[in-house]
Amino acid sequence: MELEIGSIYEGKVTGITKFGAFVALPGGKSGMVHISEVANTYVDDISKYLKSGQAVTVKLIAIDDQGRVNLSIKKALPQPEPAPRPSRPAPRSAPAPAPKARGPAVFMADQSTLPKGDDSFESKLKAFMQSSESRISDLKSRTDQRSGGRRRR
């Protein structure tokens, strides 16, 4: 009898090891069911699931280059229905982003609203940079005081 991959056969367990079980198939052939192919759950001890001489239904899943027959009991069983996934609550919608303006109108400002003299952009930037540097140096000195001063490497 020629064995075909994907076919289901009736066999008898001939031996049990810590890594699987050997099954005698029709036609005098035999194959092995790896411990991971015994049940749809984790199998710690194969002897809890199979006994020597027990009749089993197996599916031929592979024949390797050395002619060894790999079998599966769990793939021969009808596949269990997947558990329904719990429905997720609908995601809260984020506030709509502000519409983006297009064209040069965004960059064109009314000339009467532009600051003159000391209130120009350059003077505001210079004042911001000075106050920012002052704040950063204050933060550094406070951090150094808390950590016991600067550490040397």
C-alpha atoms as a PDB file:
ATOM      1  CA  MET A   1       0.000   0.000   0.000  1.00  0.00           C
ATOM      2  CA  GLU A   2       1.384   3.396  -1.039  1.00  0.00           C
ATOM      3  CA  LEU A   3       1.159   6.169   1.577  1.00  0.00           C
ATOM      4  CA  GLU A   4      -0.003   9.608   0.473  1.00  0.00           C
ATOM      5  CA  ILE A   5       0.714  12.885   2.237  1.00  0.00           C
ATOM      6  CA  GLY A   6      -2.509  14.415   3.527  1.00  0.00           C
ATOM      7  CA  SER A   7      -4.318  11.088   3.778  1.00  0.00           C
ATOM      8  CA  ILE A   8      -5.949   9.898   6.993  1.00  0.00           C
ATOM      9  CA  TYR A   9      -5.238   6.375   8.256  1.00  0.00           C
ATOM     10  CA  GLU A  10      -6.253   4.134  11.138  1.00  0.00           C
ATOM     11  CA  GLY A  11      -3.260   2.845  13.093  1.00  0.00           C
ATOM     12  CA  LYS A  12      -2.221   1.252  16.348  1.00  0.00           C
ATOM     13  CA  VAL A  13       0.245   2.732  18.848  1.00  0.00           C
ATOM     14  CA  THR A  14       3.247   0.400  19.036  1.00  0.00           C
ATOM     15  CA  GLY A  15       5.555   2.401  21.271  1.00  0.00           C
ATOM     16  CA  ILE A  16       5.709   5.554  23.348  1.00  0.00           C
ATOM     17  CA  THR A  17       8.773   7.710  23.979  1.00  0.00           C
ATOM     18  CA  LYS A  18       9.214  11.032  25.758  1.00  0.00           C
ATOM     19  CA  PHE A  19       9.163  12.865  22.400  1.00  0.00           C
ATOM     20  CA  GLY A  20       6.348  11.016  20.617  1.00  0.00           C
ATOM     21  CA  ALA A  21       4.593   7.789  19.774  1.00  0.00           C
ATOM     22  CA  PHE A  22       5.183   5.218  17.070  1.00  0.00           C
ATOM     23  CA  VAL A  23       2.133   4.082  15.138  1.00  0.00           C
ATOM     24  CA  ALA A  24       1.784   0.995  12.930  1.00  0.00           C
ATOM     25  CA  LEU A  25      -0.064   1.826   9.703  1.00  0.00           C
ATOM     26  CA  PRO A  26      -1.880  -0.483   7.261  1.00  0.00           C
ATOM     27  CA  GLY A  27       0.422  -2.268   4.829  1.00  0.00           C
ATOM     28  CA  GLY A  28       3.176  -2.909   7.366  1.00  0.00           C
ATOM     29  CA  LYS A  29       4.463   0.678   7.431  1.00  0.00           C
ATOM     30  CA  SER A  30       4.975   2.670  10.613  1.00  0.00           C
ATOM     31  CA  GLY A  31       5.403   6.307  11.459  1.00  0.00           C
ATOM     32  CA  MET A  32       5.892   8.623  14.380  1.00  0.00           C
ATOM     33  CA  VAL A  33       3.551  11.161  15.952  1.00  0.00           C
ATOM     34  CA  HIS A  34       5.643  13.919  17.536  1.00  0.00           C
ATOM     35  CA  ILE A  35       4.496  15.048  20.985  1.00  0.00           C
ATOM     36  CA  SER A  36       3.494  18.437  19.516  1.00  0.00           C
ATOM     37  CA  GLU A  37       1.106  16.667  17.112  1.00  0.00           C
ATOM     38  CA  VAL A  38      -0.806  14.646  19.714  1.00  0.00           C
ATOM     39  CA  ALA A  39      -3.395  17.192  20.884  1.00  0.00           C
ATOM     40  CA  ASN A  40      -4.541  20.769  20.316  1.00  0.00           C
ATOM     41  CA  THR A  41      -3.259  21.660  23.793  1.00  0.00           C
ATOM     42  CA  TYR A  42       0.187  21.548  25.383  1.00  0.00           C
ATOM     43  CA  VAL A  43       1.241  17.944  26.023  1.00  0.00           C
ATOM     44  CA  ASP A  44       3.700  17.546  28.878  1.00  0.00           C
ATOM     45  CA  ASP A  45       3.428  13.763  29.259  1.00  0.00           C
ATOM     46  CA  ILE A  46       2.391  11.806  26.179  1.00  0.00           C
ATOM     47  CA  SER A  47       1.375   8.795  28.264  1.00  0.00           C
ATOM     48  CA  LYS A  48      -1.565  10.850  29.587  1.00  0.00           C
ATOM     49  CA  TYR A  49      -2.970  10.905  26.038  1.00  0.00           C
ATOM     50  CA  LEU A  50      -1.879   7.615  24.460  1.00  0.00           C
ATOM     51  CA  LYS A  51      -1.346   4.013  25.550  1.00  0.00           C
ATOM     52  CA  SER A  52       0.555   1.257  23.803  1.00  0.00           C
ATOM     53  CA  GLY A  53      -1.838  -0.827  21.669  1.00  0.00           C
ATOM     54  CA  GLN A  54      -4.426   1.973  21.403  1.00  0.00           C
ATOM     55  CA  ALA A  55      -6.131   2.467  18.018  1.00  0.00           C
ATOM     56  CA  VAL A  56      -5.696   6.025  16.690  1.00  0.00           C
ATOM     57  CA  THR A  57      -6.665   8.041  13.645  1.00  0.00           C
ATOM     58  CA  VAL A  58      -3.670   9.818  12.136  1.00  0.00           C
ATOM     59  CA  LYS A  59      -2.961  12.101   9.213  1.00  0.00           C
ATOM     60  CA  LEU A  60       0.219  11.649   7.210  1.00  0.00           C
ATOM     61  CA  ILE A  61       1.854  15.087   7.189  1.00  0.00           C
ATOM     62  CA  ALA A  62       5.282  14.357   5.687  1.00  0.00           C
ATOM     63  CA  ILE A  63       7.790  11.768   4.552  1.00  0.00           C
ATOM     64  CA  ASP A  64      11.338  13.027   4.973  1.00  0.00           C
ATOM     65  CA  ASP A  65      14.416  12.327   2.825  1.00  0.00           C
ATOM     66  CA  GLN A  66      15.318   9.283   4.928  1.00  0.00           C
ATOM     67  CA  GLY A  67      11.877   7.747   4.400  1.00  0.00           C
ATOM     68  CA  ARG A  68      10.600   8.459   7.915  1.00  0.00           C
ATOM     69  CA  VAL A  69       6.842   8.934   8.116  1.00  0.00           C
ATOM     70  CA  ASN A  70       5.614  11.910  10.150  1.00  0.00           C
ATOM     71  CA  LEU A  71       2.069  11.650  11.470  1.00  0.00           C
ATOM     72  CA  SER A  72      -0.348  13.921  13.309  1.00  0.00           C
ATOM     73  CA  ILE A  73      -3.294  13.029  15.506  1.00  0.00           C
ATOM     74  CA  LYS A  74      -4.471  16.593  16.048  1.00  0.00           C
ATOM     75  CA  LYS A  75      -4.625  17.319  12.305  1.00  0.00           C
ATOM     76  CA  ALA A  76      -6.729  14.191  11.791  1.00  0.00           C
ATOM     77  CA  LEU A  77      -9.321  15.513  14.232  1.00  0.00           C
ATOM     78  CA  PRO A  78     -12.009  17.928  13.064  1.00  0.00           C
ATOM     79  CA  GLN A  79     -10.673  21.430  13.536  1.00  0.00           C
ATOM     80  CA  PRO A  80     -12.275  23.239  16.472  1.00  0.00           C
ATOM     81  CA  GLU A  81     -14.253  26.359  15.726  1.00  0.00           C
ATOM     82  CA  PRO A  82     -12.162  29.434  16.436  1.00  0.00           C
ATOM     83  CA  ALA A  83     -13.374  31.241  19.527  1.00  0.00           C
ATOM     84  CA  PRO A  84     -15.239  34.410  18.644  1.00  0.00           C
ATOM     85  CA  ARG A  85     -13.089  37.437  19.181  1.00  0.00           C
ATOM     86  CA  PRO A  86     -14.441  39.916  21.665  1.00  0.00           C
ATOM     87  CA  SER A  87     -15.612  42.982  19.865  1.00  0.00           C
ATOM     88  CA  ARG A  88     -13.562  46.052  20.506  1.00  0.00           C
ATOM     89  CA  PRO A  89     -15.236  49.285  21.419  1.00  0.00           C
ATOM     90  CA  ALA A  90     -15.324  51.736  18.586  1.00  0.00           C
ATOM     91  CA  PRO A  91     -12.303  54.024  18.707  1.00  0.00           C
ATOM     92  CA  ARG A  92     -13.037  57.499  19.878  1.00  0.00           C
ATOM     93  CA  SER A  93     -12.812  59.875  17.034  1.00  0.00           C
ATOM     94  CA  ALA A  94     -10.129  62.486  17.315  1.00  0.00           C
ATOM     95  CA  PRO A  95     -11.110  66.094  16.833  1.00  0.00           C
ATOM     96  CA  ALA A  96     -11.038  67.059  13.217  1.00  0.00           C
ATOM     97  CA  PRO A  97      -7.789  68.768  12.238  1.00  0.00           C
ATOM     98  CA  ALA A  98      -7.974  72.400  11.338  1.00  0.00           C
ATOM     99  CA  PRO A  99      -8.318  72.919   7.607  1.00  0.00           C
ATOM    100  CA  LYS A 100      -5.045  73.671   5.915  1.00  0.00           C
ATOM    101  CA  ALA A 101      -4.854  76.931   4.073  1.00  0.00           C
ATOM    102  CA  ARG A 102      -3.516  76.821   0.564  1.00  0.00           C
ATOM    103  CA  GLY A 103      -1.655  79.282  -1.530  1.00  0.00           C
ATOM    104  CA  PRO A 104       0.394  82.368  -0.769  1.00  0.00           C
ATOM    105  CA  ALA A 105      -2.373  84.031   1.264  1.00  0.00           C
ATOM    106  CA  VAL A 106      -1.078  82.220   4.382  1.00  0.00           C
ATOM    107  CA  PHE A 107       2.278  83.936   4.166  1.00  0.00           C
ATOM    108  CA  MET A 108       1.028  87.327   3.080  1.00  0.00           C
ATOM    109  CA  ALA A 109       0.102  89.516   5.997  1.00  0.00           C
ATOM    110  CA  ASP A 110      -1.462  92.895   5.975  1.00  0.00           C
ATOM    111  CA  GLN A 111       1.408  95.403   5.985  1.00  0.00           C
ATOM    112  CA  SER A 112      -0.312  97.500   8.668  1.00  0.00           C
ATOM    113  CA  THR A 113      -0.175  94.623  11.202  1.00  0.00           C
ATOM    114  CA  LEU A 114       3.600  94.059  10.883  1.00  0.00           C
ATOM    115  CA  PRO A 115       5.633  95.408  13.802  1.00  0.00           C
ATOM    116  CA  LYS A 116       7.869  98.377  13.127  1.00  0.00           C
ATOM    117  CA  GLY A 117      11.226  99.354  14.594  1.00  0.00           C
ATOM    118  CA  ASP A 118      12.102  97.653  17.894  1.00  0.00           C
ATOM    119  CA  ASP A 119       9.177  95.255  17.631  1.00  0.00           C
ATOM    120  CA  SER A 120      10.584  93.579  14.525  1.00  0.00           C
ATOM    121  CA  PHE A 121      11.010  89.869  14.251  1.00  0.00           C
ATOM    122  CA  GLU A 122      14.781  90.060  14.674  1.00  0.00           C
ATOM    123  CA  SER A 123      14.521  91.974  17.935  1.00  0.00           C
ATOM    124  CA  LYS A 124      11.869  89.587  19.288  1.00  0.00           C
ATOM    125  CA  LEU A 125      14.005  86.608  18.311  1.00  0.00           C
ATOM    126  CA  LYS A 126      17.057  88.109  20.006  1.00  0.00           C
ATOM    127  CA  ALA A 127      15.106  88.719  23.222  1.00  0.00           C
ATOM    128  CA  PHE A 128      13.706  85.190  23.137  1.00  0.00           C
ATOM    129  CA  MET A 129      17.140  83.651  22.666  1.00  0.00           C
ATOM    130  CA  GLN A 130      18.595  85.636  25.576  1.00  0.00           C
ATOM    131  CA  SER A 131      15.786  84.646  27.943  1.00  0.00           C
ATOM    132  CA  SER A 132      15.971  81.035  26.760  1.00  0.00           C
ATOM    133  CA  GLU A 133      19.718  80.832  27.398  1.00  0.00           C
ATOM    134  CA  SER A 134      19.189  82.350  30.827  1.00  0.00           C
ATOM    135  CA  ARG A 135      16.525  79.765  31.701  1.00  0.00           C
ATOM    136  CA  ILE A 136      18.684  76.888  30.491  1.00  0.00           C
ATOM    137  CA  SER A 137      21.666  78.006  32.567  1.00  0.00           C
ATOM    138  CA  ASP A 138      19.411  78.350  35.650  1.00  0.00           C
ATOM    139  CA  LEU A 139      18.087  74.819  35.131  1.00  0.00           C
ATOM    140  CA  LYS A 140      21.605  73.432  34.723  1.00  0.00           C
ATOM    141  CA  SER A 141      22.815  75.071  37.912  1.00  0.00           C
ATOM    142  CA  ARG A 142      19.812  73.766  39.882  1.00  0.00           C
ATOM    143  CA  THR A 143      20.344  70.268  38.518  1.00  0.00           C
ATOM    144  CA  ASP A 144      24.036  70.397  39.414  1.00  0.00           C
ATOM    145  CA  GLN A 145      23.214  71.484  42.970  1.00  0.00           C
ATOM    146  CA  ARG A 146      20.822  68.564  43.443  1.00  0.00           C
ATOM    147  CA  SER A 147      23.217  65.977  42.096  1.00  0.00           C
ATOM    148  CA  GLY A 148      26.171  67.232  44.137  1.00  0.00           C
ATOM    149  CA  GLY A 149      27.914  69.223  41.462  1.00  0.00           C
ATOM    150  CA  ARG A 150      29.406  68.207  38.200  1.00  0.00           C
ATOM    151  CA  ARG A 151      31.119  64.897  38.261  1.00  0.00           C
ATOM    152  CA  ARG A 152      34.489  64.486  36.674  1.00  0.00           C
ATOM    153  CA  ARG A 153      35.336  61.537  34.541  1.00  0.00           C
END
